[in-house]
Amino acid sequence: MKSKNEHLNTEAIREKFFVVVGLVIAYALLVIMLMFLFNALREREDLKLQTEAEKSLNTIFFHLQDDPVRANNELQKNGIIGVGVYSNLGKNELMLGQIPKLLPSKYIVSMGRWDNVESAGTATYEKKNDTVIYVRYINRLSLLWNIIDDTSIDLNSFTNTPMSFPDVLYIELEGKAYHNTIVTLNIYIILAFLSLSAAFIFVYHIYVNNRGYRDTLEKQRSLVNLGQAARTLTHEIKNPLSSVNIQLAILRMKINPKYKPNLEVIQSEMDRVKVLTDKVSEFLYNPTGVPVKIDLKPFFIDLIGRFNSPVQLYMDEDFRISFDRDRARSVFENLIKNAIESGENPQVEVLISRGGKPKTVKIEVKDRGIGLPKGAKDKIYNPFYTTKNTGSGIGLSISRQFISARNGSIILYPREGGGTVAEVILPIATKY
């Protein structure tokens, strides 16, 4: 049967999965719609360009039969660089304005492909010359030839050579306006895509923050309930402890001396319960204490000397922190004690160096013990959670509470090569 925490974690994972999948699907659909819209706008511009080219083409050929000079003026008036008719081999049959005498091969369609040629023309932007080339393929120009086959046409810039079955209508236009429109469309689509992406990232960020706030609220609610229960419990425990201690004192005076060792066992366990209740009270009421300036080198030399097991101390330089002395001793005594109890040959080391962030000190307590059990990483700071056969499991919770109260942080992680590292980051205190 799953615990409440496991059930909540499962629900959180399931919720996150559905939210992320929903956002991805919505994002993909909107991107597809955006691309369809862009393609529609691009096609509209191409169609508009095709219409303008056809209209210009018809206008030029219409004026050629009445007034060739006016036809030439229409070129400049409509931003047309040149108009021509080419055979299917690319040879120029009619030319007005500045256009190539030979049609580039990419615009030529072979005679064997006439059945597949579309009647509508195609417009191509030439970036090199900043022009638009409009080409339309046809089968015969006999009708057009009858219109423009007028002996009165005499233009130096207009070449009329015999033609029978020309295949290509060609018009070259100034392409700056078309190019600017396409560039503007591209900018709009990029901005729309970036805005859409930013909106979805923002929505996801809001969800993650909201999820975090909900988790934090749930933890705070649990801590409030735990605090209320712990306050009641410590109060209820201290009263009988006082009575038991009084009775123990009376028994020491009246009991047979041979039974006094048994009383000492009782007294030791009573003292242990008292220490635990005092720690719980500290955890609940006053994590800050009375901060004083502590020089870490003499502090750790004194602290390490209190342990029977060997502990190596390494320091880059001496540092000073602002911390309540009793609470600092409680924190680092607990971390070193945990390291010593982590295995048969823990090889405990304390490394003190400058932290990664400015004006911080990093204190690492390392061991070569059995390491953190699987799944303990997320639970190890929970009050009364322990992986040892003895102990209350409240030590790390209290340590983190004390460290957080001084704007520091603590993290436990596996040590390379085996064991555990307890890393504490604290602000460096200003000098006296």
Protein backbone atom coordinates (compact mmCIF):
# COMPACT_ATOMS: atom_id res chain seq x y z
CA MET A 1 0.00 0.00 0.00
CA LYS A 2 1.37 3.40 -0.99
CA SER A 3 2.08 6.06 1.62
CA LYS A 4 0.53 9.51 1.41
CA ASN A 5 3.79 11.06 0.16
CA GLU A 6 4.22 8.41 -2.55
CA HIS A 7 0.63 8.94 -3.63
CA LEU A 8 1.15 12.72 -3.81
CA ASN A 9 4.37 12.25 -5.82
CA THR A 10 2.59 9.95 -8.27
CA GLU A 11 -0.23 12.48 -8.67
CA ALA A 12 2.30 15.30 -9.22
CA ILE A 13 4.16 13.30 -11.90
CA ARG A 14 0.90 12.41 -13.66
CA GLU A 15 -0.29 16.04 -13.54
CA LYS A 16 3.02 17.32 -14.91
CA PHE A 17 2.92 14.75 -17.72
CA PHE A 18 -0.57 15.79 -18.84
CA VAL A 19 0.25 19.51 -18.58
CA VAL A 20 3.47 19.17 -20.59
CA VAL A 21 1.83 16.95 -23.25
CA GLY A 22 -1.12 19.34 -23.50
CA LEU A 23 1.17 22.34 -23.90
CA VAL A 24 3.28 20.58 -26.53
CA ILE A 25 0.20 19.56 -28.56
CA ALA A 26 -1.31 23.06 -28.33
CA TYR A 27 2.05 24.59 -29.28
CA ALA A 28 2.42 22.25 -32.27
CA LEU A 29 -1.11 23.01 -33.50
CA LEU A 30 -0.59 26.76 -33.22
CA VAL A 31 2.76 26.51 -35.02
CA ILE A 32 1.09 24.54 -37.85
CA MET A 33 -1.68 27.16 -38.05
CA LEU A 34 0.97 29.86 -38.10
CA MET A 35 2.79 28.16 -40.96
CA PHE A 36 -0.47 27.77 -42.92
CA LEU A 37 -1.19 31.47 -42.39
CA PHE A 38 2.29 32.42 -43.54
CA ASN A 39 2.02 30.22 -46.64
CA ALA A 40 -1.39 31.75 -47.43
CA LEU A 41 0.04 35.27 -47.14
CA ARG A 42 3.04 34.27 -49.27
CA GLU A 43 0.76 32.76 -51.91
CA ARG A 44 -1.34 35.92 -51.84
CA GLU A 45 1.74 38.05 -52.56
CA ASP A 46 2.79 35.68 -55.35
CA LEU A 47 -0.70 35.80 -56.84
CA LYS A 48 -0.72 39.59 -56.59
CA LEU A 49 2.66 39.69 -58.33
CA GLN A 50 1.42 37.31 -61.02
CA THR A 51 -1.66 39.48 -61.58
CA GLU A 52 0.43 42.65 -61.84
CA ALA A 53 2.80 40.96 -64.26
CA GLU A 54 -0.03 39.73 -66.48
CA LYS A 55 -1.65 43.13 -66.42
CA SER A 56 1.63 44.84 -67.31
CA LEU A 57 2.26 42.30 -70.07
CA ASN A 58 -1.15 42.86 -71.61
CA THR A 59 -0.80 46.66 -71.30
CA ILE A 60 2.57 46.68 -73.07
CA PHE A 61 1.43 44.49 -75.96
CA PHE A 62 -1.80 46.45 -76.27
CA HIS A 63 0.09 49.75 -76.65
CA LEU A 64 2.55 48.25 -79.10
CA GLN A 65 -0.09 48.02 -81.83
CA ASP A 66 -1.14 51.68 -81.45
CA ASP A 67 1.77 53.66 -80.09
CA PRO A 68 5.15 51.96 -79.63
CA VAL A 69 6.53 55.10 -77.94
CA ARG A 70 3.77 54.92 -75.37
CA ALA A 71 4.53 51.25 -74.88
CA ASN A 72 8.11 52.16 -74.09
CA ASN A 73 6.90 54.82 -71.64
CA GLU A 74 4.68 52.25 -69.98
CA LEU A 75 7.79 50.24 -69.13
CA GLN A 76 9.22 53.07 -67.03
CA LYS A 77 5.82 54.03 -65.63
CA ASN A 78 5.06 50.53 -64.34
CA GLY A 79 8.55 49.70 -63.12
CA ILE A 80 9.08 47.20 -65.94
CA ILE A 81 12.65 46.55 -66.97
CA GLY A 82 11.79 44.65 -70.12
CA VAL A 83 9.33 42.43 -71.98
CA GLY A 84 10.09 39.64 -74.44
CA VAL A 85 8.96 36.54 -76.23
CA TYR A 86 11.29 33.53 -76.52
CA SER A 87 11.19 30.28 -78.43
CA ASN A 88 11.27 26.99 -76.59
CA LEU A 89 14.99 26.89 -77.31
CA GLY A 90 15.51 30.15 -75.44
CA LYS A 91 16.03 32.32 -78.52
CA ASN A 92 14.60 35.83 -78.36
CA GLU A 93 11.75 36.50 -80.84
CA LEU A 94 10.52 39.87 -79.53
CA MET A 95 12.33 42.21 -77.14
CA LEU A 96 11.42 45.53 -75.58
CA GLY A 97 13.61 47.05 -72.86
CA GLN A 98 16.64 45.55 -71.13
CA ILE A 99 16.23 41.78 -71.12
CA PRO A 100 18.64 38.94 -72.05
CA LYS A 101 18.89 37.87 -75.69
CA LEU A 102 19.00 34.24 -74.63
CA LEU A 103 16.56 32.96 -72.05
CA PRO A 104 18.32 31.31 -69.08
CA SER A 105 18.00 27.53 -69.25
CA LYS A 106 16.08 27.31 -65.96
CA TYR A 107 13.10 29.02 -67.62
CA ILE A 108 13.04 26.73 -70.70
CA VAL A 109 10.58 23.85 -71.01
CA SER A 110 11.34 21.12 -73.55
CA MET A 111 8.90 20.42 -76.38
CA GLY A 112 8.15 16.98 -74.95
CA ARG A 113 6.65 18.49 -71.85
CA TRP A 114 4.01 20.77 -73.39
CA ASP A 115 1.17 18.70 -72.00
CA ASN A 116 2.40 19.29 -68.46
CA VAL A 117 2.95 23.06 -68.76
CA GLU A 118 0.57 25.14 -66.64
CA SER A 119 -1.22 27.99 -68.34
CA ALA A 120 -0.60 30.26 -65.32
CA GLY A 121 2.74 31.99 -65.11
CA THR A 122 5.35 31.79 -62.39
CA ALA A 123 7.14 34.67 -60.70
CA THR A 124 10.70 34.34 -59.37
CA TYR A 125 12.61 36.87 -57.31
CA GLU A 126 16.22 37.29 -58.41
CA LYS A 127 18.15 38.45 -55.36
CA LYS A 128 21.31 39.20 -57.35
CA ASN A 129 19.66 41.91 -59.47
CA ASP A 130 16.78 42.73 -57.10
CA THR A 131 14.27 41.97 -59.87
CA VAL A 132 11.25 39.75 -60.37
CA ILE A 133 11.15 37.48 -63.42
CA TYR A 134 7.67 36.48 -64.59
CA VAL A 135 7.46 33.69 -67.14
CA ARG A 136 4.38 32.15 -68.76
CA TYR A 137 4.52 29.20 -71.13
CA ILE A 138 2.22 29.02 -74.18
CA ASN A 139 1.74 26.75 -77.20
CA ARG A 140 1.36 29.33 -79.97
CA LEU A 141 1.54 33.10 -80.35
CA SER A 142 -0.23 33.41 -83.68
CA LEU A 143 -2.92 35.59 -82.17
CA LEU A 144 -0.44 37.80 -80.42
CA TRP A 145 1.67 37.94 -83.55
CA ASN A 146 -1.31 39.29 -85.52
CA ILE A 147 -1.67 42.05 -82.94
CA ILE A 148 1.93 43.19 -82.92
CA ASP A 149 2.84 42.37 -86.56
CA ASP A 150 2.49 45.98 -87.65
CA THR A 151 4.98 47.50 -90.11
CA SER A 152 4.51 50.88 -88.44
CA ILE A 153 6.42 49.66 -85.36
CA ASP A 154 9.91 51.06 -85.45
CA LEU A 155 11.73 51.16 -82.10
CA ASN A 156 15.49 50.95 -81.69
CA SER A 157 15.00 49.06 -78.43
CA PHE A 158 12.43 46.68 -79.99
CA THR A 159 13.57 43.71 -82.09
CA ASN A 160 11.13 41.92 -84.37
CA THR A 161 12.37 38.75 -85.96
CA PRO A 162 10.44 36.10 -87.85
CA MET A 163 8.67 33.75 -85.49
CA SER A 164 6.48 30.76 -85.94
CA PHE A 165 5.89 28.98 -82.64
CA PRO A 166 7.38 30.96 -79.76
CA ASP A 167 6.92 29.30 -76.42
CA VAL A 168 7.68 31.71 -73.58
CA LEU A 169 6.32 35.08 -72.52
CA TYR A 170 8.87 36.92 -70.35
CA ILE A 171 8.66 40.07 -68.26
CA GLU A 172 11.24 41.48 -65.87
CA LEU A 173 10.06 43.85 -63.13
CA GLU A 174 11.68 45.84 -60.37
CA GLY A 175 11.64 43.54 -57.34
CA LYS A 176 12.36 45.86 -54.44
CA ALA A 177 8.74 46.22 -53.32
CA TYR A 178 8.09 42.49 -53.62
CA HIS A 179 11.31 41.70 -51.76
CA ASN A 180 10.46 44.15 -48.96
CA THR A 181 7.02 42.59 -48.60
CA ILE A 182 8.44 39.06 -48.34
CA VAL A 183 11.10 40.20 -45.85
CA THR A 184 8.39 41.87 -43.77
CA LEU A 185 6.35 38.66 -43.85
CA ASN A 186 9.39 36.65 -42.75
CA ILE A 187 10.04 39.07 -39.89
CA TYR A 188 6.41 38.83 -38.81
CA ILE A 189 6.47 35.02 -38.87
CA ILE A 190 9.71 34.94 -36.84
CA LEU A 191 8.30 37.42 -34.31
CA ALA A 192 5.05 35.46 -34.13
CA PHE A 193 6.97 32.21 -33.60
CA LEU A 194 9.17 33.76 -30.90
CA SER A 195 6.16 35.35 -29.20
CA LEU A 196 4.30 32.05 -29.29
CA SER A 197 7.31 30.21 -27.87
CA ALA A 198 7.77 32.83 -25.16
CA ALA A 199 4.07 32.62 -24.27
CA PHE A 200 4.21 28.84 -23.86
CA ILE A 201 7.45 29.01 -21.87
CA PHE A 202 5.82 31.64 -19.66
CA VAL A 203 2.74 29.45 -19.16
CA TYR A 204 4.94 26.45 -18.32
CA HIS A 205 7.01 28.60 -15.94
CA ILE A 206 3.83 29.74 -14.20
CA TYR A 207 2.70 26.12 -13.88
CA VAL A 208 6.08 25.02 -12.43
CA ASN A 209 6.06 27.91 -9.96
CA ASN A 210 2.47 27.17 -9.02
CA ARG A 211 3.35 23.50 -8.57
CA GLY A 212 6.29 24.51 -6.40
CA TYR A 213 4.12 26.85 -4.34
CA ARG A 214 1.58 24.08 -3.83
CA ASP A 215 4.30 21.63 -2.76
CA THR A 216 5.80 24.23 -0.43
CA LEU A 217 2.37 25.01 1.01
CA GLU A 218 1.73 21.31 1.58
CA LYS A 219 5.10 20.93 3.31
CA GLN A 220 4.47 24.01 5.43
CA ARG A 221 1.05 22.69 6.35
CA SER A 222 2.65 19.39 7.36
CA LEU A 223 5.33 21.23 9.34
CA VAL A 224 2.69 23.31 11.10
CA ASN A 225 0.83 20.16 12.06
CA LEU A 226 4.10 18.54 13.07
CA GLY A 227 5.10 21.61 15.07
CA GLN A 228 1.84 21.66 16.94
CA ALA A 229 2.14 17.97 17.69
CA ALA A 230 5.83 18.32 18.66
CA ARG A 231 5.16 21.26 21.00
CA THR A 232 2.44 19.30 22.73
CA LEU A 233 4.61 16.20 22.85
CA THR A 234 7.71 17.93 24.27
CA HIS A 235 5.60 19.67 26.87
CA GLU A 236 3.94 16.43 27.90
CA ILE A 237 7.30 14.62 28.01
CA LYS A 238 9.12 17.21 30.13
CA ASN A 239 6.60 17.03 32.97
CA PRO A 240 7.00 13.28 33.63
CA LEU A 241 10.78 13.60 33.07
CA SER A 242 11.01 15.97 35.99
CA SER A 243 9.06 13.57 38.20
CA VAL A 244 11.21 10.60 37.12
CA ASN A 245 14.44 12.53 37.83
CA ILE A 246 13.20 13.37 41.33
CA GLN A 247 12.36 9.73 41.97
CA LEU A 248 15.78 8.66 40.66
CA ALA A 249 17.49 11.03 43.08
CA ILE A 250 15.49 9.53 45.98
CA LEU A 251 16.30 5.99 44.85
CA ARG A 252 20.03 6.76 44.74
CA MET A 253 19.95 7.65 48.40
CA LYS A 254 17.96 4.58 49.53
CA ILE A 255 18.70 1.77 47.07
CA ASN A 256 21.28 -0.94 47.60
CA PRO A 257 24.59 0.16 46.03
CA LYS A 258 24.79 -2.98 43.91
CA TYR A 259 21.69 -1.77 41.98
CA LYS A 260 23.03 1.72 41.31
CA PRO A 261 24.44 0.80 37.86
CA ASN A 262 20.88 0.03 36.81
CA LEU A 263 19.86 3.50 37.94
CA GLU A 264 22.65 4.99 35.86
CA VAL A 265 21.25 3.25 32.77
CA ILE A 266 17.86 4.75 33.51
CA GLN A 267 19.44 8.16 34.07
CA SER A 268 21.36 7.92 30.77
CA GLU A 269 18.20 7.13 28.83
CA MET A 270 16.35 9.92 30.60
CA ASP A 271 19.13 12.36 29.68
CA ARG A 272 18.89 11.15 26.08
CA VAL A 273 15.16 11.86 26.02
CA LYS A 274 15.76 15.30 27.52
CA VAL A 275 18.37 16.14 24.87
CA LEU A 276 15.92 15.08 22.16
CA THR A 277 13.12 17.25 23.54
CA ASP A 278 15.53 20.20 23.82
CA LYS A 279 16.54 19.74 20.18
CA VAL A 280 12.91 19.62 19.09
CA SER A 281 12.27 22.85 21.02
CA GLU A 282 15.23 24.52 19.32
CA PHE A 283 14.02 23.31 15.94
CA LEU A 284 10.59 24.82 16.51
CA TYR A 285 11.27 28.07 18.33
CA ASN A 286 14.63 29.75 17.74
CA PRO A 287 16.85 28.55 14.87
CA THR A 288 18.95 31.76 14.82
CA GLY A 289 20.02 31.93 18.46
CA VAL A 290 22.62 34.60 19.30
CA PRO A 291 25.05 34.92 16.36
CA VAL A 292 28.68 35.69 17.16
CA LYS A 293 31.83 35.83 15.01
CA ILE A 294 33.46 32.37 14.88
CA ASP A 295 36.95 31.71 13.50
CA LEU A 296 36.62 28.34 11.80
CA LYS A 297 40.18 27.04 12.33
CA PRO A 298 40.22 27.01 16.16
CA PHE A 299 36.52 26.09 16.17
CA PHE A 300 37.06 22.89 14.14
CA ILE A 301 40.33 21.99 15.88
CA ASP A 302 38.46 22.04 19.20
CA LEU A 303 35.44 20.23 17.76
CA ILE A 304 37.45 17.44 16.10
CA GLY A 305 39.41 16.91 19.31
CA ARG A 306 36.20 15.84 21.04
CA PHE A 307 35.88 12.71 18.88
CA ASN A 308 37.73 9.47 19.58
CA SER A 309 37.86 8.61 15.86
CA PRO A 310 40.45 10.31 13.58
CA VAL A 311 39.21 13.24 11.50
CA GLN A 312 41.49 15.04 9.03
CA LEU A 313 41.14 18.84 8.72
CA TYR A 314 42.21 20.72 5.56
CA MET A 315 41.91 24.51 5.16
CA ASP A 316 42.97 26.83 2.31
CA GLU A 317 42.85 29.83 4.64
CA ASP A 318 41.20 30.89 7.86
CA PHE A 319 37.59 32.03 7.56
CA ARG A 320 35.15 33.67 9.93
CA ILE A 321 31.39 33.13 10.03
CA SER A 322 28.54 34.71 12.00
CA PHE A 323 26.71 31.92 13.83
CA ASP A 324 25.33 31.03 17.23
CA ARG A 325 28.20 29.05 18.78
CA ASP A 326 26.05 26.30 20.31
CA ARG A 327 24.06 25.89 17.11
CA ALA A 328 27.23 25.82 14.99
CA ARG A 329 28.62 23.12 17.26
CA SER A 330 25.33 21.20 16.98
CA VAL A 331 25.41 21.38 13.15
CA PHE A 332 29.00 20.30 12.53
CA GLU A 333 29.13 17.88 15.44
CA ASN A 334 26.12 16.13 13.93
CA LEU A 335 27.67 16.02 10.42
CA ILE A 336 31.02 14.68 11.68
CA LYS A 337 29.26 12.16 13.92
CA ASN A 338 27.18 10.92 10.96
CA ALA A 339 30.37 10.58 8.89
CA ILE A 340 32.16 8.62 11.62
CA GLU A 341 29.18 6.26 11.99
CA SER A 342 28.87 5.74 8.19
CA GLY A 343 31.10 2.64 8.06
CA GLU A 344 33.88 0.57 9.62
CA ASN A 345 36.66 2.67 8.09
CA PRO A 346 34.99 6.00 7.19
CA GLN A 347 38.22 8.02 6.66
CA VAL A 348 36.48 11.25 7.65
CA GLU A 349 37.81 14.52 6.24
CA VAL A 350 36.76 18.13 6.79
CA LEU A 351 37.70 20.46 3.91
CA ILE A 352 37.23 24.23 4.29
CA SER A 353 37.69 26.45 1.22
CA ARG A 354 36.31 29.54 -0.46
CA GLY A 355 32.83 29.04 -1.91
CA GLY A 356 31.82 29.38 -5.55
CA LYS A 357 29.84 32.56 -4.88
CA PRO A 358 31.56 35.74 -3.67
CA LYS A 359 32.07 36.14 0.09
CA THR A 360 31.07 32.56 0.93
CA VAL A 361 32.91 29.67 2.58
CA LYS A 362 32.42 26.00 1.70
CA ILE A 363 32.71 23.40 4.47
CA GLU A 364 32.73 19.78 3.30
CA VAL A 365 32.49 16.76 5.60
CA LYS A 366 33.54 13.67 3.60
CA ASP A 367 33.56 10.00 4.43
CA ARG A 368 34.18 6.60 2.82
CA GLY A 369 31.16 4.94 4.38
CA ILE A 370 28.35 2.96 2.80
CA GLY A 371 26.88 6.10 1.21
CA LEU A 372 23.30 7.33 0.99
CA PRO A 373 20.66 4.60 0.63
CA LYS A 374 18.66 4.62 -2.60
CA GLY A 375 15.65 6.93 -2.33
CA ALA A 376 16.98 8.68 0.79
CA LYS A 377 17.99 11.89 -1.03
CA ASP A 378 14.47 13.38 -0.97
CA LYS A 379 13.67 12.21 2.58
CA ILE A 380 16.92 12.71 4.45
CA TYR A 381 15.98 16.19 5.74
CA ASN A 382 12.54 15.12 6.94
CA PRO A 383 12.22 15.26 10.75
CA PHE A 384 12.54 11.84 12.40
CA TYR A 385 13.68 10.12 9.18
CA THR A 386 16.82 8.06 9.76
CA THR A 387 18.74 5.30 7.98
CA LYS A 388 20.52 4.16 11.17
CA ASN A 389 19.38 1.67 13.79
CA THR A 390 19.99 4.24 16.53
CA GLY A 391 19.26 7.96 16.60
CA SER A 392 16.17 10.11 16.29
CA GLY A 393 16.64 11.28 12.69
CA ILE A 394 16.08 14.90 13.63
CA GLY A 395 19.74 15.98 13.45
CA LEU A 396 19.87 16.91 9.74
CA SER A 397 16.51 18.67 9.91
CA ILE A 398 17.73 20.82 12.79
CA SER A 399 21.07 21.43 11.06
CA ARG A 400 19.40 22.62 7.89
CA GLN A 401 17.07 24.83 9.93
CA PHE A 402 20.05 26.45 11.69
CA ILE A 403 22.03 26.88 8.44
CA SER A 404 19.05 28.35 6.54
CA ALA A 405 18.51 30.84 9.37
CA ARG A 406 22.03 32.20 8.63
CA ASN A 407 21.39 32.44 4.83
CA GLY A 408 23.36 29.29 4.13
CA SER A 409 22.67 25.97 2.43
CA ILE A 410 23.42 22.28 2.99
CA ILE A 411 23.41 19.43 0.51
CA LEU A 412 24.36 15.76 0.78
CA TYR A 413 25.52 13.84 -2.29
CA PRO A 414 27.49 10.67 -3.14
CA ARG A 415 31.27 10.98 -2.99
CA GLU A 416 33.24 9.89 -6.02
CA GLY A 417 34.82 6.53 -5.25
CA GLY A 418 32.29 5.73 -2.50
CA GLY A 419 30.95 7.47 0.57
CA THR A 420 29.09 10.71 1.15
CA VAL A 421 29.82 14.44 1.06
CA ALA A 422 27.93 16.88 3.29
CA GLU A 423 28.51 20.34 1.79
CA VAL A 424 27.65 23.48 3.75
CA ILE A 425 27.84 26.96 2.19
CA LEU A 426 27.79 29.96 4.55
CA PRO A 427 28.38 33.70 4.15
CA ILE A 428 31.78 34.96 5.30
CA ALA A 429 31.37 37.32 8.23
CA THR A 430 32.71 40.85 8.01
CA LYS A 431 35.75 41.60 10.13
CA TYR A 432 35.47 43.07 13.59
